[in-house]
Amino acid sequence: MTELFNGKGGLVEGCIEKIDRTGADIISLEDPKLVSVNTTQWHVFAAFGTLKGGRSDWLIEKCTELGASSVTPLLTERSPSISENRVDRLQRVILAAAKQCQRLHEMTLNPPLKVGGLLPIVSQSKLSFIAAAEATPVLNALALSQRESVGSIIIGPEGDFTEAEVTSILRAGATAVGLGPHRLRVETATVALLSTAMLWSDSQPLTDS
């Protein structure tokens, strides 16, 4: 017996009929069923284009496992690009991680986005957080928030956002949150904020707005 999923929430139980070097033949034992998403859809915007040594792979893998709805490489003054070859590799990382954690709904890797393109997204989001040093602790900020169906998480590059970038994101409506007294790497900050936000939103009732 085995279960098959299509990354769109579709799930079906099947039975392996034959296995050979070319693959496996599986017979469906029931009609496919659709499993709906009932958690906050967290969209991660992280400036990880300059990360080296497999650190971006790790970031994407953990975002997939933790349940992020999407990840968007954020292009900033201090992280201005990301190679197309790396994007192709990250797509394979997402697929492998989704299989490993048995995730029914796929995580999307969006095209790279500049800070200017992020601002309209933040302005339309009722739940948007940017990691910032010496800001209000994230748990304090969440205690003052209400769960929404969609949320945004924003992480700057190594060397952080410029002052102008932070100001523009905050003016668009994001809330600055702190992640403790230490300076965190991009991938560490991403996982720390996403984990906290996921656990918090899963424990909160969804608003009617």
N, C-alpha and C. Protein backbone atom coordinates (compact mmCIF):
# COMPACT_ATOMS: atom_id res chain seq x y z
N MET A 1 0.84 -1.19 0.00
CA MET A 1 0.00 0.00 0.00
C MET A 1 0.88 1.24 0.00
N THR A 2 0.44 2.27 -0.71
CA THR A 2 1.19 3.52 -0.75
C THR A 2 0.23 4.67 -0.96
N GLU A 3 0.68 5.87 -0.63
CA GLU A 3 -0.11 7.06 -0.87
C GLU A 3 0.61 7.96 -1.87
N LEU A 4 -0.14 8.50 -2.81
CA LEU A 4 0.41 9.38 -3.83
C LEU A 4 -0.18 10.77 -3.67
N PHE A 5 0.66 11.80 -3.91
CA PHE A 5 0.15 13.17 -3.87
C PHE A 5 0.70 13.93 -5.05
N ASN A 6 -0.01 15.01 -5.42
CA ASN A 6 0.36 15.75 -6.62
C ASN A 6 0.88 17.16 -6.34
N GLY A 7 1.06 17.50 -5.06
CA GLY A 7 1.55 18.83 -4.71
C GLY A 7 0.48 19.90 -4.73
N LYS A 8 -0.72 19.55 -5.11
CA LYS A 8 -1.84 20.49 -5.16
C LYS A 8 -2.90 20.18 -4.12
N GLY A 9 -2.57 19.30 -3.19
CA GLY A 9 -3.53 18.90 -2.17
C GLY A 9 -4.25 17.61 -2.49
N GLY A 10 -3.99 17.04 -3.68
CA GLY A 10 -4.63 15.79 -4.07
C GLY A 10 -3.93 14.60 -3.45
N LEU A 11 -4.71 13.66 -2.92
CA LEU A 11 -4.15 12.49 -2.24
C LEU A 11 -4.94 11.25 -2.66
N VAL A 12 -4.22 10.17 -2.98
CA VAL A 12 -4.90 8.94 -3.37
C VAL A 12 -4.12 7.75 -2.83
N GLU A 13 -4.85 6.73 -2.41
CA GLU A 13 -4.22 5.49 -1.92
C GLU A 13 -4.08 4.53 -3.08
N GLY A 14 -2.91 3.89 -3.18
CA GLY A 14 -2.68 2.97 -4.29
C GLY A 14 -1.92 1.74 -3.86
N CYS A 15 -1.74 0.84 -4.79
CA CYS A 15 -1.04 -0.42 -4.54
C CYS A 15 0.01 -0.61 -5.64
N ILE A 16 1.22 -0.96 -5.24
CA ILE A 16 2.29 -1.19 -6.21
C ILE A 16 2.05 -2.52 -6.92
N GLU A 17 1.90 -2.46 -8.24
CA GLU A 17 1.65 -3.67 -9.03
C GLU A 17 2.94 -4.29 -9.54
N LYS A 18 3.89 -3.44 -9.94
CA LYS A 18 5.13 -3.97 -10.51
C LYS A 18 6.23 -2.94 -10.33
N ILE A 19 7.44 -3.40 -10.04
CA ILE A 19 8.61 -2.55 -9.95
C ILE A 19 9.72 -3.14 -10.81
N ASP A 20 10.32 -2.31 -11.65
CA ASP A 20 11.49 -2.73 -12.42
C ASP A 20 12.46 -1.57 -12.52
N ARG A 21 13.46 -1.71 -13.36
CA ARG A 21 14.50 -0.67 -13.45
C ARG A 21 13.97 0.64 -14.03
N THR A 22 12.89 0.59 -14.74
CA THR A 22 12.35 1.80 -15.36
C THR A 22 11.40 2.56 -14.44
N GLY A 23 10.98 1.93 -13.34
CA GLY A 23 10.06 2.60 -12.44
C GLY A 23 9.09 1.63 -11.82
N ALA A 24 7.93 2.15 -11.42
CA ALA A 24 6.93 1.33 -10.75
C ALA A 24 5.55 1.60 -11.34
N ASP A 25 4.75 0.54 -11.44
CA ASP A 25 3.35 0.66 -11.85
C ASP A 25 2.49 0.59 -10.60
N ILE A 26 1.62 1.59 -10.44
CA ILE A 26 0.78 1.67 -9.24
C ILE A 26 -0.68 1.76 -9.66
N ILE A 27 -1.52 0.99 -8.99
CA ILE A 27 -2.96 1.00 -9.25
C ILE A 27 -3.66 1.80 -8.16
N SER A 28 -4.52 2.72 -8.59
CA SER A 28 -5.29 3.50 -7.62
C SER A 28 -6.37 2.63 -7.00
N LEU A 29 -6.50 2.70 -5.67
CA LEU A 29 -7.50 1.90 -4.97
C LEU A 29 -8.73 2.70 -4.58
N GLU A 30 -8.71 3.99 -4.83
CA GLU A 30 -9.83 4.85 -4.47
C GLU A 30 -9.80 6.10 -5.34
N ASP A 31 -10.86 6.85 -5.30
CA ASP A 31 -10.88 8.13 -6.01
C ASP A 31 -10.01 9.14 -5.27
N PRO A 32 -9.32 10.01 -6.00
CA PRO A 32 -8.49 11.03 -5.33
C PRO A 32 -9.34 11.92 -4.44
N LYS A 33 -8.76 12.33 -3.31
CA LYS A 33 -9.44 13.28 -2.44
C LYS A 33 -8.60 14.53 -2.32
N LEU A 34 -9.25 15.66 -2.15
CA LEU A 34 -8.57 16.94 -2.07
C LEU A 34 -8.51 17.40 -0.62
N VAL A 35 -7.30 17.62 -0.13
CA VAL A 35 -7.09 18.09 1.23
C VAL A 35 -6.87 19.60 1.19
N SER A 36 -7.73 20.36 1.85
CA SER A 36 -7.64 21.81 1.79
C SER A 36 -6.60 22.34 2.77
N VAL A 37 -6.12 23.54 2.49
CA VAL A 37 -5.17 24.20 3.37
C VAL A 37 -5.96 24.97 4.43
N ASN A 38 -5.64 24.76 5.70
CA ASN A 38 -6.38 25.45 6.76
C ASN A 38 -5.44 26.22 7.69
N THR A 39 -4.22 26.49 7.20
CA THR A 39 -3.27 27.26 7.98
C THR A 39 -2.97 28.58 7.27
N THR A 40 -2.39 29.52 8.00
CA THR A 40 -1.97 30.77 7.38
C THR A 40 -0.95 30.50 6.29
N GLN A 41 -1.13 31.11 5.14
CA GLN A 41 -0.20 30.95 4.04
C GLN A 41 0.93 31.98 4.18
N TRP A 42 2.06 31.53 4.71
CA TRP A 42 3.19 32.43 4.94
C TRP A 42 4.06 32.50 3.69
N HIS A 43 4.26 33.72 3.22
CA HIS A 43 5.10 33.96 2.05
C HIS A 43 6.41 34.59 2.52
N VAL A 44 7.51 33.92 2.20
CA VAL A 44 8.83 34.34 2.68
C VAL A 44 9.54 35.13 1.58
N PHE A 45 10.05 36.31 1.95
CA PHE A 45 10.85 37.14 1.05
C PHE A 45 12.22 37.27 1.72
N ALA A 46 13.22 36.60 1.17
CA ALA A 46 14.53 36.55 1.82
C ALA A 46 15.63 36.89 0.81
N ALA A 47 16.55 37.74 1.24
CA ALA A 47 17.67 38.15 0.38
C ALA A 47 18.82 37.17 0.56
N PHE A 48 18.76 36.06 -0.17
CA PHE A 48 19.77 35.01 0.02
C PHE A 48 20.62 34.77 -1.23
N GLY A 49 20.58 35.70 -2.18
CA GLY A 49 21.29 35.50 -3.44
C GLY A 49 22.80 35.37 -3.31
N THR A 50 23.38 35.95 -2.27
CA THR A 50 24.84 35.89 -2.10
C THR A 50 25.29 34.76 -1.18
N LEU A 51 24.37 33.95 -0.66
CA LEU A 51 24.77 32.86 0.23
C LEU A 51 25.58 31.81 -0.54
N LYS A 52 26.58 31.25 0.14
CA LYS A 52 27.46 30.27 -0.50
C LYS A 52 27.50 28.99 0.31
N GLY A 53 28.12 27.97 -0.30
CA GLY A 53 28.35 26.73 0.42
C GLY A 53 27.11 25.93 0.78
N GLY A 54 26.08 25.99 -0.06
CA GLY A 54 24.88 25.21 0.21
C GLY A 54 23.93 25.82 1.21
N ARG A 55 24.22 27.04 1.68
CA ARG A 55 23.36 27.66 2.69
C ARG A 55 21.99 28.02 2.13
N SER A 56 21.93 28.43 0.85
CA SER A 56 20.62 28.72 0.26
C SER A 56 19.80 27.45 0.09
N ASP A 57 20.47 26.33 -0.24
CA ASP A 57 19.77 25.04 -0.33
C ASP A 57 19.12 24.71 1.02
N TRP A 58 19.88 24.90 2.09
CA TRP A 58 19.38 24.61 3.44
C TRP A 58 18.19 25.49 3.76
N LEU A 59 18.27 26.77 3.42
CA LEU A 59 17.17 27.71 3.68
C LEU A 59 15.89 27.24 2.97
N ILE A 60 16.02 26.92 1.70
CA ILE A 60 14.85 26.50 0.92
C ILE A 60 14.30 25.17 1.43
N GLU A 61 15.19 24.24 1.77
CA GLU A 61 14.74 22.95 2.29
C GLU A 61 13.93 23.12 3.56
N LYS A 62 14.41 23.94 4.48
CA LYS A 62 13.72 24.11 5.76
C LYS A 62 12.41 24.89 5.60
N CYS A 63 12.39 25.85 4.70
CA CYS A 63 11.13 26.56 4.44
C CYS A 63 10.07 25.60 3.89
N THR A 64 10.50 24.67 3.05
CA THR A 64 9.59 23.66 2.53
C THR A 64 9.07 22.78 3.66
N GLU A 65 9.96 22.30 4.51
CA GLU A 65 9.57 21.42 5.60
C GLU A 65 8.66 22.12 6.60
N LEU A 66 8.92 23.39 6.86
CA LEU A 66 8.15 24.12 7.87
C LEU A 66 6.76 24.54 7.36
N GLY A 67 6.57 24.52 6.05
CA GLY A 67 5.24 24.80 5.52
C GLY A 67 5.04 26.16 4.89
N ALA A 68 6.13 26.87 4.54
CA ALA A 68 5.97 28.15 3.86
C ALA A 68 5.20 27.94 2.56
N SER A 69 4.33 28.89 2.24
CA SER A 69 3.57 28.79 1.00
C SER A 69 4.43 29.10 -0.21
N SER A 70 5.33 30.07 -0.05
CA SER A 70 6.23 30.43 -1.15
C SER A 70 7.48 31.07 -0.58
N VAL A 71 8.54 31.06 -1.38
CA VAL A 71 9.77 31.78 -1.08
C VAL A 71 10.13 32.62 -2.29
N THR A 72 10.45 33.87 -2.05
CA THR A 72 10.85 34.78 -3.13
C THR A 72 12.25 35.31 -2.83
N PRO A 73 13.22 35.08 -3.74
CA PRO A 73 14.54 35.69 -3.55
C PRO A 73 14.40 37.22 -3.65
N LEU A 74 14.81 37.91 -2.62
CA LEU A 74 14.67 39.36 -2.56
C LEU A 74 15.98 40.00 -3.00
N LEU A 75 15.90 40.87 -3.99
CA LEU A 75 17.08 41.56 -4.50
C LEU A 75 17.20 42.92 -3.83
N THR A 76 18.32 43.14 -3.18
CA THR A 76 18.54 44.36 -2.42
C THR A 76 19.86 45.00 -2.85
N GLU A 77 20.16 46.14 -2.27
CA GLU A 77 21.40 46.82 -2.61
C GLU A 77 22.61 45.97 -2.26
N ARG A 78 22.53 45.18 -1.18
CA ARG A 78 23.65 44.36 -0.75
C ARG A 78 23.55 42.91 -1.20
N SER A 79 22.47 42.57 -1.87
CA SER A 79 22.30 41.24 -2.45
C SER A 79 21.53 41.43 -3.76
N PRO A 80 22.22 41.95 -4.80
CA PRO A 80 21.53 42.44 -5.99
C PRO A 80 21.14 41.39 -7.02
N SER A 81 21.57 40.12 -6.86
CA SER A 81 21.28 39.15 -7.91
C SER A 81 21.27 37.73 -7.35
N ILE A 82 20.75 36.80 -8.17
CA ILE A 82 20.81 35.37 -7.88
C ILE A 82 20.88 34.67 -9.22
N SER A 83 21.77 33.71 -9.36
CA SER A 83 22.00 33.07 -10.66
C SER A 83 20.85 32.15 -11.04
N GLU A 84 20.59 32.06 -12.36
CA GLU A 84 19.53 31.19 -12.85
C GLU A 84 19.84 29.72 -12.54
N ASN A 85 21.13 29.36 -12.60
CA ASN A 85 21.51 27.98 -12.28
C ASN A 85 21.14 27.62 -10.85
N ARG A 86 21.28 28.57 -9.95
CA ARG A 86 20.94 28.30 -8.56
C ARG A 86 19.43 28.12 -8.41
N VAL A 87 18.64 28.93 -9.14
CA VAL A 87 17.19 28.81 -9.06
C VAL A 87 16.75 27.42 -9.52
N ASP A 88 17.34 26.93 -10.60
CA ASP A 88 17.01 25.58 -11.07
C ASP A 88 17.33 24.53 -10.01
N ARG A 89 18.46 24.68 -9.36
CA ARG A 89 18.85 23.74 -8.31
C ARG A 89 17.87 23.79 -7.15
N LEU A 90 17.45 24.99 -6.78
CA LEU A 90 16.55 25.14 -5.65
C LEU A 90 15.19 24.50 -5.92
N GLN A 91 14.76 24.50 -7.17
CA GLN A 91 13.51 23.81 -7.52
C GLN A 91 13.62 22.32 -7.21
N ARG A 92 14.78 21.74 -7.48
CA ARG A 92 14.99 20.32 -7.18
C ARG A 92 15.04 20.08 -5.67
N VAL A 93 15.60 21.04 -4.94
CA VAL A 93 15.64 20.93 -3.48
C VAL A 93 14.22 20.92 -2.92
N ILE A 94 13.36 21.79 -3.45
CA ILE A 94 11.98 21.85 -2.99
C ILE A 94 11.26 20.52 -3.20
N LEU A 95 11.43 19.94 -4.39
CA LEU A 95 10.76 18.67 -4.70
C LEU A 95 11.23 17.57 -3.75
N ALA A 96 12.54 17.48 -3.53
CA ALA A 96 13.07 16.45 -2.65
C ALA A 96 12.58 16.65 -1.22
N ALA A 97 12.56 17.90 -0.76
CA ALA A 97 12.11 18.18 0.62
C ALA A 97 10.63 17.89 0.79
N ALA A 98 9.83 18.21 -0.24
CA ALA A 98 8.38 17.96 -0.18
C ALA A 98 8.10 16.46 -0.07
N LYS A 99 8.85 15.67 -0.81
CA LYS A 99 8.68 14.21 -0.74
C LYS A 99 9.08 13.70 0.64
N GLN A 100 10.20 14.21 1.14
CA GLN A 100 10.71 13.73 2.42
C GLN A 100 9.75 14.00 3.57
N CYS A 101 9.15 15.20 3.58
CA CYS A 101 8.27 15.56 4.69
C CYS A 101 6.80 15.26 4.40
N GLN A 102 6.54 14.63 3.25
CA GLN A 102 5.18 14.23 2.85
C GLN A 102 4.24 15.43 2.84
N ARG A 103 4.71 16.49 2.23
CA ARG A 103 3.92 17.72 2.14
C ARG A 103 2.94 17.61 0.98
N LEU A 104 1.66 17.86 1.24
CA LEU A 104 0.64 17.70 0.22
C LEU A 104 0.52 18.90 -0.71
N HIS A 105 0.84 20.09 -0.19
CA HIS A 105 0.73 21.30 -1.00
C HIS A 105 2.14 21.84 -1.27
N GLU A 106 2.46 21.96 -2.54
CA GLU A 106 3.82 22.34 -2.92
C GLU A 106 4.15 23.77 -2.48
N MET A 107 5.43 24.02 -2.26
CA MET A 107 5.90 25.37 -2.00
C MET A 107 6.39 25.97 -3.31
N THR A 108 6.02 27.22 -3.56
CA THR A 108 6.39 27.89 -4.80
C THR A 108 7.67 28.69 -4.62
N LEU A 109 8.59 28.57 -5.57
CA LEU A 109 9.76 29.43 -5.62
C LEU A 109 9.49 30.49 -6.67
N ASN A 110 9.25 31.72 -6.22
CA ASN A 110 8.90 32.81 -7.14
C ASN A 110 10.14 33.40 -7.80
N PRO A 111 9.95 34.12 -8.91
CA PRO A 111 11.08 34.83 -9.53
C PRO A 111 11.63 35.88 -8.58
N PRO A 112 12.91 36.23 -8.72
CA PRO A 112 13.50 37.26 -7.86
C PRO A 112 12.72 38.57 -7.93
N LEU A 113 12.71 39.28 -6.81
CA LEU A 113 11.92 40.51 -6.69
C LEU A 113 12.75 41.60 -6.04
N LYS A 114 12.72 42.80 -6.58
CA LYS A 114 13.39 43.93 -5.97
C LYS A 114 12.54 44.49 -4.83
N VAL A 115 13.19 45.24 -3.95
CA VAL A 115 12.48 45.81 -2.80
C VAL A 115 11.31 46.66 -3.25
N GLY A 116 11.48 47.40 -4.33
CA GLY A 116 10.38 48.23 -4.84
C GLY A 116 9.16 47.41 -5.21
N GLY A 117 9.36 46.20 -5.72
CA GLY A 117 8.24 45.33 -6.06
C GLY A 117 7.60 44.69 -4.85
N LEU A 118 8.34 44.65 -3.74
CA LEU A 118 7.80 44.09 -2.51
C LEU A 118 6.82 45.03 -1.82
N LEU A 119 7.02 46.32 -1.98
CA LEU A 119 6.25 47.31 -1.22
C LEU A 119 4.73 47.19 -1.43
N PRO A 120 4.24 47.03 -2.67
CA PRO A 120 2.78 46.86 -2.83
C PRO A 120 2.25 45.60 -2.15
N ILE A 121 3.05 44.54 -2.11
CA ILE A 121 2.63 43.31 -1.44
C ILE A 121 2.48 43.55 0.06
N VAL A 122 3.45 44.25 0.63
CA VAL A 122 3.40 44.56 2.06
C VAL A 122 2.21 45.45 2.38
N SER A 123 1.96 46.43 1.54
CA SER A 123 0.87 47.38 1.80
C SER A 123 -0.49 46.71 1.76
N GLN A 124 -0.60 45.58 1.03
CA GLN A 124 -1.87 44.87 0.93
C GLN A 124 -1.99 43.75 1.96
N SER A 125 -0.93 43.51 2.73
CA SER A 125 -0.92 42.42 3.71
C SER A 125 -1.23 42.95 5.11
N LYS A 126 -2.15 42.30 5.80
CA LYS A 126 -2.48 42.69 7.17
C LYS A 126 -1.52 42.07 8.18
N LEU A 127 -0.70 41.13 7.72
CA LEU A 127 0.20 40.41 8.60
C LEU A 127 1.55 40.33 7.90
N SER A 128 2.44 41.28 8.22
CA SER A 128 3.71 41.37 7.52
C SER A 128 4.80 41.74 8.51
N PHE A 129 5.86 40.92 8.57
CA PHE A 129 6.93 41.13 9.56
C PHE A 129 8.29 41.19 8.88
N ILE A 130 9.12 42.13 9.32
CA ILE A 130 10.49 42.24 8.84
C ILE A 130 11.43 42.07 10.02
N ALA A 131 12.39 41.16 9.88
CA ALA A 131 13.36 40.93 10.94
C ALA A 131 14.31 42.13 11.02
N ALA A 132 14.46 42.68 12.22
CA ALA A 132 15.30 43.86 12.40
C ALA A 132 15.96 43.83 13.76
N ALA A 133 17.22 44.22 13.81
CA ALA A 133 17.95 44.24 15.08
C ALA A 133 17.34 45.26 16.02
N GLU A 134 17.27 44.91 17.29
CA GLU A 134 16.80 45.79 18.35
C GLU A 134 15.34 46.21 18.20
N ALA A 135 14.57 45.45 17.43
CA ALA A 135 13.14 45.73 17.29
C ALA A 135 12.38 45.02 18.41
N THR A 136 11.07 45.27 18.47
CA THR A 136 10.21 44.59 19.44
C THR A 136 10.34 43.08 19.29
N PRO A 137 10.55 42.34 20.38
CA PRO A 137 10.65 40.87 20.27
C PRO A 137 9.47 40.29 19.51
N VAL A 138 9.74 39.31 18.68
CA VAL A 138 8.71 38.78 17.80
C VAL A 138 7.50 38.26 18.56
N LEU A 139 7.70 37.63 19.71
CA LEU A 139 6.56 37.11 20.47
C LEU A 139 5.67 38.25 20.98
N ASN A 140 6.27 39.37 21.35
CA ASN A 140 5.48 40.53 21.79
C ASN A 140 4.66 41.08 20.64
N ALA A 141 5.28 41.15 19.45
CA ALA A 141 4.56 41.66 18.28
C ALA A 141 3.42 40.74 17.89
N LEU A 142 3.64 39.44 17.95
CA LEU A 142 2.59 38.49 17.60
C LEU A 142 1.43 38.55 18.58
N ALA A 143 1.73 38.81 19.85
CA ALA A 143 0.68 38.89 20.87
C ALA A 143 -0.30 40.02 20.58
N LEU A 144 0.15 41.01 19.81
CA LEU A 144 -0.70 42.15 19.47
C LEU A 144 -1.36 41.99 18.11
N SER A 145 -1.14 40.84 17.46
CA SER A 145 -1.64 40.60 16.11
C SER A 145 -2.79 39.61 16.11
N GLN A 146 -3.54 39.61 15.03
CA GLN A 146 -4.59 38.62 14.82
C GLN A 146 -4.20 37.76 13.62
N ARG A 147 -4.54 36.49 13.71
CA ARG A 147 -4.23 35.59 12.60
C ARG A 147 -5.02 35.98 11.36
N GLU A 148 -4.35 35.95 10.23
CA GLU A 148 -4.97 36.19 8.94
C GLU A 148 -4.73 34.98 8.03
N SER A 149 -5.41 34.95 6.90
CA SER A 149 -5.24 33.82 5.99
C SER A 149 -3.91 33.87 5.25
N VAL A 150 -3.32 35.07 5.14
CA VAL A 150 -2.06 35.24 4.42
C VAL A 150 -1.14 36.13 5.24
N GLY A 151 0.14 35.80 5.27
CA GLY A 151 1.12 36.62 5.97
C GLY A 151 2.43 36.68 5.20
N SER A 152 3.23 37.69 5.48
CA SER A 152 4.52 37.87 4.81
C SER A 152 5.65 37.95 5.83
N ILE A 153 6.76 37.33 5.50
CA ILE A 153 7.97 37.35 6.33
C ILE A 153 9.11 37.87 5.47
N ILE A 154 9.84 38.87 5.99
CA ILE A 154 10.86 39.54 5.20
C ILE A 154 12.20 39.48 5.93
N ILE A 155 13.21 38.97 5.24
CA ILE A 155 14.54 38.81 5.82
C ILE A 155 15.55 39.49 4.90
N GLY A 156 16.40 40.33 5.48
CA GLY A 156 17.40 41.05 4.70
C GLY A 156 18.63 40.22 4.39
N PRO A 157 19.59 40.79 3.68
CA PRO A 157 20.80 40.07 3.27
C PRO A 157 21.88 40.10 4.34
N GLU A 158 22.98 39.43 4.08
CA GLU A 158 24.15 39.58 4.92
C GLU A 158 24.58 41.05 4.86
N GLY A 159 24.79 41.67 6.01
CA GLY A 159 25.04 43.10 6.04
C GLY A 159 23.77 43.90 6.23
N ASP A 160 22.62 43.22 6.20
CA ASP A 160 21.30 43.80 6.46
C ASP A 160 20.83 44.72 5.32
N PHE A 161 19.57 45.12 5.41
CA PHE A 161 19.02 46.12 4.51
C PHE A 161 19.73 47.45 4.74
N THR A 162 19.67 48.32 3.74
CA THR A 162 20.10 49.69 3.98
C THR A 162 19.02 50.40 4.79
N GLU A 163 19.37 51.51 5.37
CA GLU A 163 18.40 52.27 6.15
C GLU A 163 17.22 52.69 5.30
N ALA A 164 17.49 53.08 4.06
CA ALA A 164 16.41 53.51 3.15
C ALA A 164 15.47 52.35 2.83
N GLU A 165 16.03 51.14 2.65
CA GLU A 165 15.19 49.98 2.35
C GLU A 165 14.28 49.64 3.53
N VAL A 166 14.86 49.64 4.73
CA VAL A 166 14.05 49.36 5.92
C VAL A 166 12.94 50.38 6.07
N THR A 167 13.28 51.66 5.88
CA THR A 167 12.27 52.72 6.02
C THR A 167 11.13 52.53 5.04
N SER A 168 11.45 52.19 3.79
CA SER A 168 10.40 52.03 2.78
C SER A 168 9.50 50.83 3.10
N ILE A 169 10.09 49.75 3.62
CA ILE A 169 9.30 48.56 3.94
C ILE A 169 8.39 48.83 5.14
N LEU A 170 8.92 49.53 6.13
CA LEU A 170 8.11 49.87 7.30
C LEU A 170 6.99 50.83 6.93
N ARG A 171 7.28 51.78 6.07
CA ARG A 171 6.24 52.73 5.64
C ARG A 171 5.14 52.04 4.85
N ALA A 172 5.50 50.94 4.18
CA ALA A 172 4.50 50.19 3.43
C ALA A 172 3.55 49.42 4.35
N GLY A 173 3.96 49.25 5.62
CA GLY A 173 3.05 48.61 6.58
C GLY A 173 3.61 47.42 7.32
N ALA A 174 4.87 47.06 7.09
CA ALA A 174 5.44 45.92 7.80
C ALA A 174 5.72 46.28 9.26
N THR A 175 5.74 45.26 10.11
CA THR A 175 6.09 45.41 11.52
C THR A 175 7.49 44.86 11.74
N ALA A 176 8.37 45.66 12.33
CA ALA A 176 9.73 45.20 12.63
C ALA A 176 9.70 44.32 13.87
N VAL A 177 10.37 43.17 13.79
CA VAL A 177 10.40 42.24 14.92
C VAL A 177 11.85 41.81 15.18
N GLY A 178 12.17 41.63 16.47
CA GLY A 178 13.50 41.18 16.85
C GLY A 178 13.53 39.69 17.10
N LEU A 179 14.68 39.07 16.84
CA LEU A 179 14.83 37.62 16.99
C LEU A 179 15.89 37.26 18.03
N GLY A 180 16.06 38.13 19.02
CA GLY A 180 17.01 37.85 20.08
C GLY A 180 18.21 38.77 20.02
N PRO A 181 19.13 38.61 20.97
CA PRO A 181 20.24 39.54 21.12
C PRO A 181 21.39 39.31 20.16
N HIS A 182 21.41 38.18 19.44
CA HIS A 182 22.55 37.86 18.60
C HIS A 182 22.29 38.18 17.13
N ARG A 183 23.36 38.44 16.40
CA ARG A 183 23.24 38.68 14.96
C ARG A 183 23.14 37.33 14.25
N LEU A 184 22.06 37.10 13.55
CA LEU A 184 21.81 35.81 12.92
C LEU A 184 22.16 35.82 11.44
N ARG A 185 22.58 34.68 10.93
CA ARG A 185 22.75 34.52 9.49
C ARG A 185 21.38 34.59 8.81
N VAL A 186 21.41 34.86 7.51
CA VAL A 186 20.16 35.00 6.75
C VAL A 186 19.28 33.76 6.90
N GLU A 187 19.88 32.58 6.71
CA GLU A 187 19.09 31.35 6.76
C GLU A 187 18.59 31.06 8.17
N THR A 188 19.39 31.41 9.18
CA THR A 188 18.96 31.19 10.56
C THR A 188 17.79 32.09 10.91
N ALA A 189 17.90 33.37 10.53
CA ALA A 189 16.82 34.31 10.80
C ALA A 189 15.53 33.91 10.09
N THR A 190 15.67 33.42 8.86
CA THR A 190 14.49 33.00 8.09
C THR A 190 13.76 31.85 8.80
N VAL A 191 14.52 30.84 9.19
CA VAL A 191 13.91 29.67 9.84
C VAL A 191 13.36 30.04 11.21
N ALA A 192 14.07 30.89 11.95
CA ALA A 192 13.60 31.29 13.29
C ALA A 192 12.28 32.04 13.20
N LEU A 193 12.19 33.00 12.28
CA LEU A 193 10.96 33.79 12.17
C LEU A 193 9.82 32.97 11.59
N LEU A 194 10.10 32.15 10.57
CA LEU A 194 9.05 31.32 9.97
C LEU A 194 8.53 30.31 10.99
N SER A 195 9.42 29.66 11.73
CA SER A 195 8.98 28.67 12.73
C SER A 195 8.08 29.31 13.77
N THR A 196 8.50 30.46 14.27
CA THR A 196 7.71 31.15 15.29
C THR A 196 6.34 31.56 14.75
N ALA A 197 6.33 32.12 13.55
CA ALA A 197 5.08 32.57 12.95
C ALA A 197 4.14 31.40 12.66
N MET A 198 4.70 30.28 12.17
CA MET A 198 3.87 29.11 11.89
C MET A 198 3.24 28.56 13.16
N LEU A 199 4.03 28.41 14.21
CA LEU A 199 3.51 27.87 15.47
C LEU A 199 2.47 28.81 16.07
N TRP A 200 2.71 30.11 15.97
CA TRP A 200 1.75 31.07 16.50
C TRP A 200 0.44 31.03 15.72
N SER A 201 0.52 31.10 14.40
CA SER A 201 -0.71 31.14 13.60
C SER A 201 -1.51 29.86 13.71
N ASP A 202 -0.82 28.73 13.87
CA ASP A 202 -1.54 27.45 14.02
C ASP A 202 -2.31 27.39 15.33
N SER A 203 -1.91 28.20 16.31
CA SER A 203 -2.57 28.18 17.62
C SER A 203 -3.65 29.24 17.75
N GLN A 204 -3.82 30.07 16.71
CA GLN A 204 -4.77 31.17 16.78
C GLN A 204 -5.99 30.90 15.91
N PRO A 205 -7.18 31.36 16.36
CA PRO A 205 -8.36 31.27 15.50
C PRO A 205 -8.24 32.24 14.33
N LEU A 206 -8.74 31.83 13.18
CA LEU A 206 -8.68 32.67 11.98
C LEU A 206 -9.74 33.76 12.07
N THR A 207 -9.37 35.01 11.76
CA THR A 207 -10.32 36.12 11.78
C THR A 207 -11.27 36.00 10.60
N ASP A 208 -12.37 36.71 10.70
CA ASP A 208 -13.39 36.68 9.64
C ASP A 208 -13.14 37.69 8.56
N SER A 209 -12.09 38.51 8.70
CA SER A 209 -11.84 39.57 7.72
C SER A 209 -11.34 39.02 6.42
